[in-house]
Amino acid sequence: MIRFINCIKKRDDISIEDFRIYWHSQEFENLLQRVIDITKANHFAKNLTLDVDANVMIQEDRGGGEPFDGIIEYWWDKGSELMNLYNTDEAKQVRQQMIEYQRQFIDLAASSAFFTESQ
């Protein structure tokens, strides 16, 4: 199984409340659904990091920095067709729209996106 994982940091000038408004907006939902439709992802998850004491304790125990603010994941059974779908004009268009939308509330440079393989 191939997964695309996007670990997201909010922009410093955006409050948590405003970040969550963007995160839950219908526009964002529509863009995410278009990615699913275009790439034929068979599973999707969108998660927000909880603002709880347990997260603070974990970071202190591990000596780590602040957690990401959200994570988006897409899954595919095989990656063999994914790059063909990823490079279509429609996929390029939705990627550009996604970047433009995300720039409003996400620090793209501090965020991380990558493909993984699970077995």
PDB file of N, CA and C in Angstrom:
ATOM      1  N   MET A   1       0.847  -1.173   0.000  1.00  0.00           N
ATOM      2  CA  MET A   1       0.000   0.000   0.000  1.00  0.00           C
ATOM      3  C   MET A   1       0.896   1.241   0.000  1.00  0.00           C
ATOM      4  N   ILE A   2       0.528   2.226  -0.800  1.00  0.00           N
ATOM      5  CA  ILE A   2       1.239   3.495  -0.890  1.00  0.00           C
ATOM      6  C   ILE A   2       0.425   4.552  -0.153  1.00  0.00           C
ATOM      7  N   ARG A   3       1.110   5.368   0.632  1.00  0.00           N
ATOM      8  CA  ARG A   3       0.440   6.462   1.346  1.00  0.00           C
ATOM      9  C   ARG A   3       1.147   7.777   1.043  1.00  0.00           C
ATOM     10  N   PHE A   4       0.352   8.810   0.901  1.00  0.00           N
ATOM     11  CA  PHE A   4       0.863  10.167   0.851  1.00  0.00           C
ATOM     12  C   PHE A   4       0.502  10.798   2.179  1.00  0.00           C
ATOM     13  N   ILE A   5       1.493  11.308   2.877  1.00  0.00           N
ATOM     14  CA  ILE A   5       1.276  11.895   4.198  1.00  0.00           C
ATOM     15  C   ILE A   5       1.708  13.357   4.150  1.00  0.00           C
ATOM     16  N   ASN A   6       0.836  14.224   4.608  1.00  0.00           N
ATOM     17  CA  ASN A   6       1.107  15.657   4.639  1.00  0.00           C
ATOM     18  C   ASN A   6       0.968  16.121   6.085  1.00  0.00           C
ATOM     19  N   CYS A   7       2.108  16.425   6.715  1.00  0.00           N
ATOM     20  CA  CYS A   7       2.148  16.904   8.094  1.00  0.00           C
ATOM     21  C   CYS A   7       2.161  18.430   8.044  1.00  0.00           C
ATOM     22  N   ILE A   8       1.182  19.046   8.656  1.00  0.00           N
ATOM     23  CA  ILE A   8       0.903  20.461   8.440  1.00  0.00           C
ATOM     24  C   ILE A   8       1.150  21.296   9.686  1.00  0.00           C
ATOM     25  N   LYS A   9       1.863  22.415   9.461  1.00  0.00           N
ATOM     26  CA  LYS A   9       2.040  23.447  10.492  1.00  0.00           C
ATOM     27  C   LYS A   9       1.253  24.674  10.049  1.00  0.00           C
ATOM     28  N   LYS A  10       0.522  25.240  10.982  1.00  0.00           N
ATOM     29  CA  LYS A  10      -0.222  26.465  10.670  1.00  0.00           C
ATOM     30  C   LYS A  10       0.743  27.639  10.562  1.00  0.00           C
ATOM     31  N   ARG A  11       0.321  28.658   9.859  1.00  0.00           N
ATOM     32  CA  ARG A  11       1.123  29.881   9.799  1.00  0.00           C
ATOM     33  C   ARG A  11       1.154  30.516  11.180  1.00  0.00           C
ATOM     34  N   ASP A  12       2.266  31.131  11.542  1.00  0.00           N
ATOM     35  CA  ASP A  12       2.418  31.759  12.857  1.00  0.00           C
ATOM     36  C   ASP A  12       1.444  32.911  13.073  1.00  0.00           C
ATOM     37  N   ASP A  13       1.055  33.575  11.999  1.00  0.00           N
ATOM     38  CA  ASP A  13       0.157  34.725  12.128  1.00  0.00           C
ATOM     39  C   ASP A  13      -1.321  34.338  12.111  1.00  0.00           C
ATOM     40  N   ILE A  14      -1.600  33.034  12.113  1.00  0.00           N
ATOM     41  CA  ILE A  14      -2.977  32.529  12.119  1.00  0.00           C
ATOM     42  C   ILE A  14      -3.254  31.903  13.487  1.00  0.00           C
ATOM     43  N   SER A  15      -4.365  32.281  14.094  1.00  0.00           N
ATOM     44  CA  SER A  15      -4.739  31.682  15.382  1.00  0.00           C
ATOM     45  C   SER A  15      -5.195  30.236  15.163  1.00  0.00           C
ATOM     46  N   ILE A  16      -5.171  29.473  16.239  1.00  0.00           N
ATOM     47  CA  ILE A  16      -5.683  28.093  16.175  1.00  0.00           C
ATOM     48  C   ILE A  16      -7.137  28.099  15.707  1.00  0.00           C
ATOM     49  N   GLU A  17      -7.921  29.030  16.204  1.00  0.00           N
ATOM     50  CA  GLU A  17      -9.333  29.106  15.832  1.00  0.00           C
ATOM     51  C   GLU A  17      -9.490  29.361  14.337  1.00  0.00           C
ATOM     52  N   ASP A  18      -8.714  30.314  13.803  1.00  0.00           N
ATOM     53  CA  ASP A  18      -8.798  30.603  12.368  1.00  0.00           C
ATOM     54  C   ASP A  18      -8.282  29.425  11.541  1.00  0.00           C
ATOM     55  N   PHE A  19      -7.207  28.780  12.021  1.00  0.00           N
ATOM     56  CA  PHE A  19      -6.696  27.599  11.340  1.00  0.00           C
ATOM     57  C   PHE A  19      -7.802  26.556  11.218  1.00  0.00           C
ATOM     58  N   ARG A  20      -8.533  26.326  12.281  1.00  0.00           N
ATOM     59  CA  ARG A  20      -9.598  25.314  12.266  1.00  0.00           C
ATOM     60  C   ARG A  20     -10.772  25.716  11.380  1.00  0.00           C
ATOM     61  N   ILE A  21     -11.018  27.003  11.238  1.00  0.00           N
ATOM     62  CA  ILE A  21     -12.069  27.456  10.322  1.00  0.00           C
ATOM     63  C   ILE A  21     -11.678  27.091   8.886  1.00  0.00           C
ATOM     64  N   TYR A  22     -10.441  27.398   8.505  1.00  0.00           N
ATOM     65  CA  TYR A  22      -9.963  27.008   7.174  1.00  0.00           C
ATOM     66  C   TYR A  22     -10.008  25.488   7.014  1.00  0.00           C
ATOM     67  N   TRP A  23      -9.530  24.782   8.032  1.00  0.00           N
ATOM     68  CA  TRP A  23      -9.426  23.321   8.002  1.00  0.00           C
ATOM     69  C   TRP A  23     -10.780  22.653   7.767  1.00  0.00           C
ATOM     70  N   HIS A  24     -11.822  23.207   8.375  1.00  0.00           N
ATOM     71  CA  HIS A  24     -13.161  22.612   8.282  1.00  0.00           C
ATOM     72  C   HIS A  24     -14.021  23.234   7.179  1.00  0.00           C
ATOM     73  N   SER A  25     -13.457  24.138   6.402  1.00  0.00           N
ATOM     74  CA  SER A  25     -14.260  24.835   5.397  1.00  0.00           C
ATOM     75  C   SER A  25     -14.716  23.899   4.279  1.00  0.00           C
ATOM     76  N   GLN A  26     -15.818  24.245   3.672  1.00  0.00           N
ATOM     77  CA  GLN A  26     -16.334  23.466   2.551  1.00  0.00           C
ATOM     78  C   GLN A  26     -15.384  23.545   1.360  1.00  0.00           C
ATOM     79  N   GLU A  27     -14.742  24.692   1.177  1.00  0.00           N
ATOM     80  CA  GLU A  27     -13.786  24.835   0.073  1.00  0.00           C
ATOM     81  C   GLU A  27     -12.648  23.832   0.209  1.00  0.00           C
ATOM     82  N   PHE A  28     -12.108  23.679   1.414  1.00  0.00           N
ATOM     83  CA  PHE A  28     -11.030  22.718   1.646  1.00  0.00           C
ATOM     84  C   PHE A  28     -11.528  21.294   1.436  1.00  0.00           C
ATOM     85  N   GLU A  29     -12.714  20.996   1.958  1.00  0.00           N
ATOM     86  CA  GLU A  29     -13.305  19.666   1.771  1.00  0.00           C
ATOM     87  C   GLU A  29     -13.462  19.338   0.290  1.00  0.00           C
ATOM     88  N   ASN A  30     -13.926  20.311  -0.487  1.00  0.00           N
ATOM     89  CA  ASN A  30     -14.115  20.104  -1.924  1.00  0.00           C
ATOM     90  C   ASN A  30     -12.787  19.840  -2.626  1.00  0.00           C
ATOM     91  N   LEU A  31     -11.747  20.582  -2.270  1.00  0.00           N
ATOM     92  CA  LEU A  31     -10.432  20.358  -2.867  1.00  0.00           C
ATOM     93  C   LEU A  31      -9.893  18.976  -2.520  1.00  0.00           C
ATOM     94  N   LEU A  32     -10.023  18.589  -1.261  1.00  0.00           N
ATOM     95  CA  LEU A  32      -9.556  17.269  -0.837  1.00  0.00           C
ATOM     96  C   LEU A  32     -10.306  16.162  -1.573  1.00  0.00           C
ATOM     97  N   GLN A  33     -11.609  16.337  -1.750  1.00  0.00           N
ATOM     98  CA  GLN A  33     -12.408  15.341  -2.471  1.00  0.00           C
ATOM     99  C   GLN A  33     -11.993  15.264  -3.936  1.00  0.00           C
ATOM    100  N   ARG A  34     -11.667  16.396  -4.525  1.00  0.00           N
ATOM    101  CA  ARG A  34     -11.199  16.381  -5.917  1.00  0.00           C
ATOM    102  C   ARG A  34      -9.895  15.602  -6.044  1.00  0.00           C
ATOM    103  N   VAL A  35      -8.992  15.754  -5.073  1.00  0.00           N
ATOM    104  CA  VAL A  35      -7.746  14.983  -5.086  1.00  0.00           C
ATOM    105  C   VAL A  35      -8.073  13.491  -5.038  1.00  0.00           C
ATOM    106  N   ILE A  36      -8.991  13.108  -4.165  1.00  0.00           N
ATOM    107  CA  ILE A  36      -9.402  11.699  -4.055  1.00  0.00           C
ATOM    108  C   ILE A  36      -9.944  11.202  -5.386  1.00  0.00           C
ATOM    109  N   ASP A  37     -10.829  11.982  -5.986  1.00  0.00           N
ATOM    110  CA  ASP A  37     -11.454  11.574  -7.247  1.00  0.00           C
ATOM    111  C   ASP A  37     -10.445  11.462  -8.378  1.00  0.00           C
ATOM    112  N   ILE A  38      -9.561  12.448  -8.492  1.00  0.00           N
ATOM    113  CA  ILE A  38      -8.592  12.471  -9.589  1.00  0.00           C
ATOM    114  C   ILE A  38      -7.561  11.367  -9.460  1.00  0.00           C
ATOM    115  N   THR A  39      -7.068  11.140  -8.249  1.00  0.00           N
ATOM    116  CA  THR A  39      -5.999  10.157  -8.047  1.00  0.00           C
ATOM    117  C   THR A  39      -6.514   8.758  -7.736  1.00  0.00           C
ATOM    118  N   LYS A  40      -7.841   8.644  -7.584  1.00  0.00           N
ATOM    119  CA  LYS A  40      -8.466   7.350  -7.281  1.00  0.00           C
ATOM    120  C   LYS A  40      -7.956   6.745  -5.969  1.00  0.00           C
ATOM    121  N   ALA A  41      -7.719   7.629  -4.991  1.00  0.00           N
ATOM    122  CA  ALA A  41      -7.318   7.152  -3.662  1.00  0.00           C
ATOM    123  C   ALA A  41      -8.424   6.291  -3.089  1.00  0.00           C
ATOM    124  N   ASN A  42      -8.050   5.201  -2.434  1.00  0.00           N
ATOM    125  CA  ASN A  42      -9.080   4.331  -1.869  1.00  0.00           C
ATOM    126  C   ASN A  42      -9.318   4.560  -0.378  1.00  0.00           C
ATOM    127  N   HIS A  43      -8.535   5.468   0.213  1.00  0.00           N
ATOM    128  CA  HIS A  43      -8.772   5.825   1.605  1.00  0.00           C
ATOM    129  C   HIS A  43      -8.181   7.204   1.850  1.00  0.00           C
ATOM    130  N   PHE A  44      -8.749   7.909   2.817  1.00  0.00           N
ATOM    131  CA  PHE A  44      -8.345   9.273   3.105  1.00  0.00           C
ATOM    132  C   PHE A  44      -8.575   9.534   4.595  1.00  0.00           C
ATOM    133  N   ALA A  45      -7.685  10.323   5.196  1.00  0.00           N
ATOM    134  CA  ALA A  45      -7.873  10.740   6.590  1.00  0.00           C
ATOM    135  C   ALA A  45      -7.382  12.169   6.742  1.00  0.00           C
ATOM    136  N   LYS A  46      -8.109  12.929   7.535  1.00  0.00           N
ATOM    137  CA  LYS A  46      -7.736  14.318   7.839  1.00  0.00           C
ATOM    138  C   LYS A  46      -7.876  14.476   9.346  1.00  0.00           C
ATOM    139  N   ASN A  47      -6.745  14.729  10.033  1.00  0.00           N
ATOM    140  CA  ASN A  47      -6.732  14.763  11.488  1.00  0.00           C
ATOM    141  C   ASN A  47      -6.133  16.056  12.014  1.00  0.00           C
ATOM    142  N   LEU A  48      -6.716  16.562  13.070  1.00  0.00           N
ATOM    143  CA  LEU A  48      -6.184  17.717  13.788  1.00  0.00           C
ATOM    144  C   LEU A  48      -5.494  17.236  15.060  1.00  0.00           C
ATOM    145  N   THR A  49      -4.392  17.888  15.405  1.00  0.00           N
ATOM    146  CA  THR A  49      -3.694  17.573  16.647  1.00  0.00           C
ATOM    147  C   THR A  49      -4.500  18.131  17.816  1.00  0.00           C
ATOM    148  N   LEU A  50      -4.651  17.323  18.846  1.00  0.00           N
ATOM    149  CA  LEU A  50      -5.372  17.762  20.037  1.00  0.00           C
ATOM    150  C   LEU A  50      -4.513  18.696  20.874  1.00  0.00           C
ATOM    151  N   ASP A  51      -5.143  19.682  21.455  1.00  0.00           N
ATOM    152  CA  ASP A  51      -4.466  20.592  22.380  1.00  0.00           C
ATOM    153  C   ASP A  51      -4.711  20.055  23.784  1.00  0.00           C
ATOM    154  N   VAL A  52      -3.917  19.035  24.161  1.00  0.00           N
ATOM    155  CA  VAL A  52      -4.100  18.353  25.447  1.00  0.00           C
ATOM    156  C   VAL A  52      -2.766  18.235  26.168  1.00  0.00           C
ATOM    157  N   ASP A  53      -2.831  18.114  27.478  1.00  0.00           N
ATOM    158  CA  ASP A  53      -1.624  17.993  28.301  1.00  0.00           C
ATOM    159  C   ASP A  53      -0.773  16.790  27.900  1.00  0.00           C
ATOM    160  N   ALA A  54      -1.401  15.708  27.465  1.00  0.00           N
ATOM    161  CA  ALA A  54      -0.651  14.510  27.089  1.00  0.00           C
ATOM    162  C   ALA A  54       0.329  14.807  25.958  1.00  0.00           C
ATOM    163  N   ASN A  55      -0.043  15.667  25.022  1.00  0.00           N
ATOM    164  CA  ASN A  55       0.878  16.015  23.936  1.00  0.00           C
ATOM    165  C   ASN A  55       2.079  16.791  24.457  1.00  0.00           C
ATOM    166  N   VAL A  56       1.849  17.657  25.415  1.00  0.00           N
ATOM    167  CA  VAL A  56       2.946  18.416  26.025  1.00  0.00           C
ATOM    168  C   VAL A  56       3.889  17.457  26.743  1.00  0.00           C
ATOM    169  N   MET A  57       3.333  16.521  27.491  1.00  0.00           N
ATOM    170  CA  MET A  57       4.154  15.543  28.220  1.00  0.00           C
ATOM    171  C   MET A  57       4.985  14.696  27.259  1.00  0.00           C
ATOM    172  N   ILE A  58       4.397  14.267  26.160  1.00  0.00           N
ATOM    173  CA  ILE A  58       5.135  13.462  25.177  1.00  0.00           C
ATOM    174  C   ILE A  58       6.306  14.251  24.623  1.00  0.00           C
ATOM    175  N   GLN A  59       6.069  15.510  24.271  1.00  0.00           N
ATOM    176  CA  GLN A  59       7.143  16.334  23.725  1.00  0.00           C
ATOM    177  C   GLN A  59       8.254  16.548  24.748  1.00  0.00           C
ATOM    178  N   GLU A  60       7.876  16.767  26.006  1.00  0.00           N
ATOM    179  CA  GLU A  60       8.875  16.938  27.063  1.00  0.00           C
ATOM    180  C   GLU A  60       9.665  15.652  27.288  1.00  0.00           C
ATOM    181  N   ASP A  61       8.968  14.515  27.315  1.00  0.00           N
ATOM    182  CA  ASP A  61       9.636  13.221  27.516  1.00  0.00           C
ATOM    183  C   ASP A  61      10.637  12.922  26.401  1.00  0.00           C
ATOM    184  N   ARG A  62      10.280  13.274  25.196  1.00  0.00           N
ATOM    185  CA  ARG A  62      11.107  12.946  24.030  1.00  0.00           C
ATOM    186  C   ARG A  62      12.092  14.054  23.682  1.00  0.00           C
ATOM    187  N   GLY A  63      11.936  15.220  24.297  1.00  0.00           N
ATOM    188  CA  GLY A  63      12.811  16.341  23.975  1.00  0.00           C
ATOM    189  C   GLY A  63      12.539  16.934  22.611  1.00  0.00           C
ATOM    190  N   GLY A  64      11.328  16.740  22.126  1.00  0.00           N
ATOM    191  CA  GLY A  64      10.985  17.207  20.781  1.00  0.00           C
ATOM    192  C   GLY A  64      10.344  18.575  20.778  1.00  0.00           C
ATOM    193  N   GLY A  65      10.136  19.058  19.589  1.00  0.00           N
ATOM    194  CA  GLY A  65       9.480  20.341  19.393  1.00  0.00           C
ATOM    195  C   GLY A  65       7.971  20.187  19.372  1.00  0.00           C
ATOM    196  N   GLU A  66       7.333  21.252  18.988  1.00  0.00           N
ATOM    197  CA  GLU A  66       5.873  21.242  18.927  1.00  0.00           C
ATOM    198  C   GLU A  66       5.399  20.284  17.838  1.00  0.00           C
ATOM    199  N   PRO A  67       4.259  19.647  18.052  1.00  0.00           N
ATOM    200  CA  PRO A  67       3.733  18.736  17.033  1.00  0.00           C
ATOM    201  C   PRO A  67       3.178  19.515  15.841  1.00  0.00           C
ATOM    202  N   PHE A  68       2.960  18.808  14.758  1.00  0.00           N
ATOM    203  CA  PHE A  68       2.271  19.397  13.628  1.00  0.00           C
ATOM    204  C   PHE A  68       0.845  19.723  14.055  1.00  0.00           C
ATOM    205  N   ASP A  69       0.201  20.631  13.347  1.00  0.00           N
ATOM    206  CA  ASP A  69      -1.169  21.034  13.690  1.00  0.00           C
ATOM    207  C   ASP A  69      -2.215  20.123  13.064  1.00  0.00           C
ATOM    208  N   GLY A  70      -1.863  19.479  11.984  1.00  0.00           N
ATOM    209  CA  GLY A  70      -2.797  18.574  11.323  1.00  0.00           C
ATOM    210  C   GLY A  70      -2.055  17.632  10.408  1.00  0.00           C
ATOM    211  N   ILE A  71      -2.726  16.555  10.044  1.00  0.00           N
ATOM    212  CA  ILE A  71      -2.146  15.566   9.138  1.00  0.00           C
ATOM    213  C   ILE A  71      -3.223  15.131   8.152  1.00  0.00           C
ATOM    214  N   ILE A  72      -2.836  15.082   6.888  1.00  0.00           N
ATOM    215  CA  ILE A  72      -3.718  14.577   5.832  1.00  0.00           C
ATOM    216  C   ILE A  72      -3.029  13.367   5.224  1.00  0.00           C
ATOM    217  N   GLU A  73      -3.807  12.305   4.998  1.00  0.00           N
ATOM    218  CA  GLU A  73      -3.257  11.097   4.390  1.00  0.00           C
ATOM    219  C   GLU A  73      -4.183  10.588   3.297  1.00  0.00           C
ATOM    220  N   TYR A  74      -3.562  10.099   2.232  1.00  0.00           N
ATOM    221  CA  TYR A  74      -4.274   9.397   1.167  1.00  0.00           C
ATOM    222  C   TYR A  74      -3.627   8.027   1.022  1.00  0.00           C
ATOM    223  N   TRP A  75      -4.414   6.987   0.693  1.00  0.00           N
ATOM    224  CA  TRP A  75      -3.914   5.632   0.508  1.00  0.00           C
ATOM    225  C   TRP A  75      -4.283   5.125  -0.884  1.00  0.00           C
ATOM    226  N   TRP A  76      -3.363   4.340  -1.459  1.00  0.00           N
ATOM    227  CA  TRP A  76      -3.607   3.621  -2.709  1.00  0.00           C
ATOM    228  C   TRP A  76      -3.071   2.211  -2.557  1.00  0.00           C
ATOM    229  N   ASP A  77      -3.737   1.244  -3.190  1.00  0.00           N
ATOM    230  CA  ASP A  77      -3.256  -0.132  -3.132  1.00  0.00           C
ATOM    231  C   ASP A  77      -1.926  -0.289  -3.850  1.00  0.00           C
ATOM    232  N   LYS A  78      -1.780   0.383  -5.012  1.00  0.00           N
ATOM    233  CA  LYS A  78      -0.552   0.297  -5.795  1.00  0.00           C
ATOM    234  C   LYS A  78      -0.176   1.687  -6.278  1.00  0.00           C
ATOM    235  N   GLY A  79       1.102   1.911  -6.387  1.00  0.00           N
ATOM    236  CA  GLY A  79       1.569   3.206  -6.867  1.00  0.00           C
ATOM    237  C   GLY A  79       1.837   3.233  -8.356  1.00  0.00           C
ATOM    238  N   SER A  80       1.674   2.090  -9.030  1.00  0.00           N
ATOM    239  CA  SER A  80       2.065   1.998 -10.434  1.00  0.00           C
ATOM    240  C   SER A  80       1.310   2.985 -11.328  1.00  0.00           C
ATOM    241  N   GLU A  81       0.071   3.237 -11.072  1.00  0.00           N
ATOM    242  CA  GLU A  81      -0.720   4.146 -11.901  1.00  0.00           C
ATOM    243  C   GLU A  81      -0.776   5.556 -11.325  1.00  0.00           C
ATOM    244  N   LEU A  82      -0.354   5.716 -10.091  1.00  0.00           N
ATOM    245  CA  LEU A  82      -0.507   6.991  -9.398  1.00  0.00           C
ATOM    246  C   LEU A  82       0.198   8.145 -10.106  1.00  0.00           C
ATOM    247  N   MET A  83       1.428   7.945 -10.545  1.00  0.00           N
ATOM    248  CA  MET A  83       2.167   9.044 -11.173  1.00  0.00           C
ATOM    249  C   MET A  83       1.532   9.465 -12.497  1.00  0.00           C
ATOM    250  N   ASN A  84       0.951   8.513 -13.229  1.00  0.00           N
ATOM    251  CA  ASN A  84       0.236   8.883 -14.451  1.00  0.00           C
ATOM    252  C   ASN A  84      -0.954   9.773 -14.126  1.00  0.00           C
ATOM    253  N   LEU A  85      -1.684   9.439 -13.089  1.00  0.00           N
ATOM    254  CA  LEU A  85      -2.827  10.247 -12.664  1.00  0.00           C
ATOM    255  C   LEU A  85      -2.358  11.585 -12.097  1.00  0.00           C
ATOM    256  N   TYR A  86      -1.264  11.562 -11.353  1.00  0.00           N
ATOM    257  CA  TYR A  86      -0.725  12.755 -10.704  1.00  0.00           C
ATOM    258  C   TYR A  86      -0.289  13.812 -11.723  1.00  0.00           C
ATOM    259  N   ASN A  87       0.133  13.381 -12.889  1.00  0.00           N
ATOM    260  CA  ASN A  87       0.653  14.298 -13.900  1.00  0.00           C
ATOM    261  C   ASN A  87      -0.374  14.746 -14.937  1.00  0.00           C
ATOM    262  N   THR A  88      -1.642  14.429 -14.745  1.00  0.00           N
ATOM    263  CA  THR A  88      -2.659  14.900 -15.681  1.00  0.00           C
ATOM    264  C   THR A  88      -2.878  16.402 -15.492  1.00  0.00           C
ATOM    265  N   ASP A  89      -3.419  17.039 -16.500  1.00  0.00           N
ATOM    266  CA  ASP A  89      -3.717  18.469 -16.406  1.00  0.00           C
ATOM    267  C   ASP A  89      -4.690  18.758 -15.271  1.00  0.00           C
ATOM    268  N   GLU A  90      -5.673  17.886 -15.104  1.00  0.00           N
ATOM    269  CA  GLU A  90      -6.659  18.074 -14.030  1.00  0.00           C
ATOM    270  C   GLU A  90      -5.989  17.997 -12.654  1.00  0.00           C
ATOM    271  N   ALA A  91      -5.070  17.059 -12.476  1.00  0.00           N
ATOM    272  CA  ALA A  91      -4.354  16.932 -11.198  1.00  0.00           C
ATOM    273  C   ALA A  91      -3.460  18.136 -10.958  1.00  0.00           C
ATOM    274  N   LYS A  92      -2.784  18.618 -11.985  1.00  0.00           N
ATOM    275  CA  LYS A  92      -1.935  19.798 -11.841  1.00  0.00           C
ATOM    276  C   LYS A  92      -2.767  21.015 -11.434  1.00  0.00           C
ATOM    277  N   GLN A  93      -3.942  21.132 -12.026  1.00  0.00           N
ATOM    278  CA  GLN A  93      -4.825  22.253 -11.707  1.00  0.00           C
ATOM    279  C   GLN A  93      -5.275  22.194 -10.250  1.00  0.00           C
ATOM    280  N   VAL A  94      -5.702  21.031  -9.775  1.00  0.00           N
ATOM    281  CA  VAL A  94      -6.177  20.938  -8.392  1.00  0.00           C
ATOM    282  C   VAL A  94      -5.019  21.106  -7.409  1.00  0.00           C
ATOM    283  N   ARG A  95      -3.819  20.651  -7.768  1.00  0.00           N
ATOM    284  CA  ARG A  95      -2.658  20.874  -6.894  1.00  0.00           C
ATOM    285  C   ARG A  95      -2.381  22.365  -6.746  1.00  0.00           C
ATOM    286  N   GLN A  96      -2.470  23.108  -7.844  1.00  0.00           N
ATOM    287  CA  GLN A  96      -2.244  24.551  -7.780  1.00  0.00           C
ATOM    288  C   GLN A  96      -3.327  25.232  -6.940  1.00  0.00           C
ATOM    289  N   GLN A  97      -4.576  24.824  -7.117  1.00  0.00           N
ATOM    290  CA  GLN A  97      -5.669  25.378  -6.309  1.00  0.00           C
ATOM    291  C   GLN A  97      -5.467  25.049  -4.838  1.00  0.00           C
ATOM    292  N   MET A  98      -5.010  23.835  -4.548  1.00  0.00           N
ATOM    293  CA  MET A  98      -4.774  23.416  -3.165  1.00  0.00           C
ATOM    294  C   MET A  98      -3.671  24.269  -2.545  1.00  0.00           C
ATOM    295  N   ILE A  99      -2.588  24.471  -3.270  1.00  0.00           N
ATOM    296  CA  ILE A  99      -1.486  25.282  -2.743  1.00  0.00           C
ATOM    297  C   ILE A  99      -1.955  26.708  -2.474  1.00  0.00           C
ATOM    298  N   GLU A 100      -2.694  27.270  -3.402  1.00  0.00           N
ATOM    299  CA  GLU A 100      -3.197  28.639  -3.214  1.00  0.00           C
ATOM    300  C   GLU A 100      -4.109  28.725  -1.995  1.00  0.00           C
ATOM    301  N   TYR A 101      -4.966  27.735  -1.820  1.00  0.00           N
ATOM    302  CA  TYR A 101      -5.854  27.747  -0.654  1.00  0.00           C
ATOM    303  C   TYR A 101      -5.049  27.559   0.635  1.00  0.00           C
ATOM    304  N   GLN A 102      -4.142  26.593   0.644  1.00  0.00           N
ATOM    305  CA  GLN A 102      -3.385  26.288   1.849  1.00  0.00           C
ATOM    306  C   GLN A 102      -2.464  27.432   2.269  1.00  0.00           C
ATOM    307  N   ARG A 103      -1.966  28.194   1.336  1.00  0.00           N
ATOM    308  CA  ARG A 103      -1.094  29.330   1.683  1.00  0.00           C
ATOM    309  C   ARG A 103      -1.792  30.319   2.612  1.00  0.00           C
ATOM    310  N   GLN A 104      -3.101  30.324   2.624  1.00  0.00           N
ATOM    311  CA  GLN A 104      -3.849  31.239   3.475  1.00  0.00           C
ATOM    312  C   GLN A 104      -3.707  30.894   4.956  1.00  0.00           C
ATOM    313  N   PHE A 105      -3.430  29.626   5.285  1.00  0.00           N
ATOM    314  CA  PHE A 105      -3.414  29.225   6.692  1.00  0.00           C
ATOM    315  C   PHE A 105      -2.318  28.239   7.070  1.00  0.00           C
ATOM    316  N   ILE A 106      -1.584  27.735   6.094  1.00  0.00           N
ATOM    317  CA  ILE A 106      -0.546  26.739   6.350  1.00  0.00           C
ATOM    318  C   ILE A 106       0.825  27.320   6.026  1.00  0.00           C
ATOM    319  N   ASP A 107       1.789  27.038   6.890  1.00  0.00           N
ATOM    320  CA  ASP A 107       3.181  27.374   6.630  1.00  0.00           C
ATOM    321  C   ASP A 107       3.747  26.220   5.804  1.00  0.00           C
ATOM    322  N   LEU A 108       3.725  26.369   4.500  1.00  0.00           N
ATOM    323  CA  LEU A 108       4.133  25.280   3.618  1.00  0.00           C
ATOM    324  C   LEU A 108       5.599  24.896   3.823  1.00  0.00           C
ATOM    325  N   ALA A 109       6.453  25.868   4.087  1.00  0.00           N
ATOM    326  CA  ALA A 109       7.875  25.574   4.281  1.00  0.00           C
ATOM    327  C   ALA A 109       8.132  24.781   5.563  1.00  0.00           C
ATOM    328  N   ALA A 110       7.308  24.977   6.595  1.00  0.00           N
ATOM    329  CA  ALA A 110       7.477  24.267   7.866  1.00  0.00           C
ATOM    330  C   ALA A 110       6.710  22.946   7.888  1.00  0.00           C
ATOM    331  N   SER A 111       5.906  22.724   6.874  1.00  0.00           N
ATOM    332  CA  SER A 111       5.135  21.482   6.770  1.00  0.00           C
ATOM    333  C   SER A 111       5.962  20.461   6.004  1.00  0.00           C
ATOM    334  N   SER A 112       5.497  19.219   6.005  1.00  0.00           N
ATOM    335  CA  SER A 112       6.222  18.165   5.330  1.00  0.00           C
ATOM    336  C   SER A 112       5.237  17.262   4.589  1.00  0.00           C
ATOM    337  N   ALA A 113       5.607  16.852   3.385  1.00  0.00           N
ATOM    338  CA  ALA A 113       4.759  15.954   2.601  1.00  0.00           C
ATOM    339  C   ALA A 113       5.642  14.902   1.950  1.00  0.00           C
ATOM    340  N   PHE A 114       5.182  13.652   1.974  1.00  0.00           N
ATOM    341  CA  PHE A 114       6.000  12.569   1.448  1.00  0.00           C
ATOM    342  C   PHE A 114       5.157  11.321   1.228  1.00  0.00           C
ATOM    343  N   PHE A 115       5.677  10.422   0.387  1.00  0.00           N
ATOM    344  CA  PHE A 115       5.048   9.120   0.133  1.00  0.00           C
ATOM    345  C   PHE A 115       5.724   8.079   1.012  1.00  0.00           C
ATOM    346  N   THR A 116       4.931   7.110   1.466  1.00  0.00           N
ATOM    347  CA  THR A 116       5.457   5.992   2.233  1.00  0.00           C
ATOM    348  C   THR A 116       4.892   4.696   1.672  1.00  0.00           C
ATOM    349  N   GLU A 117       5.470   3.592   2.084  1.00  0.00           N
ATOM    350  CA  GLU A 117       4.973   2.283   1.729  1.00  0.00           C
ATOM    351  C   GLU A 117       4.684   1.515   3.008  1.00  0.00           C
ATOM    352  N   SER A 118       3.502   0.954   3.105  1.00  0.00           N
ATOM    353  CA  SER A 118       3.180   0.116   4.263  1.00  0.00           C
ATOM    354  C   SER A 118       2.952  -1.301   3.779  1.00  0.00           C
ATOM    355  N   GLN A 119       3.257  -2.255   4.643  1.00  0.00           N
ATOM    356  CA  GLN A 119       3.125  -3.651   4.259  1.00  0.00           C
ATOM    357  C   GLN A 119       2.241  -4.398   5.206  1.00  0.00           C
TER     358      GLN A 119
END
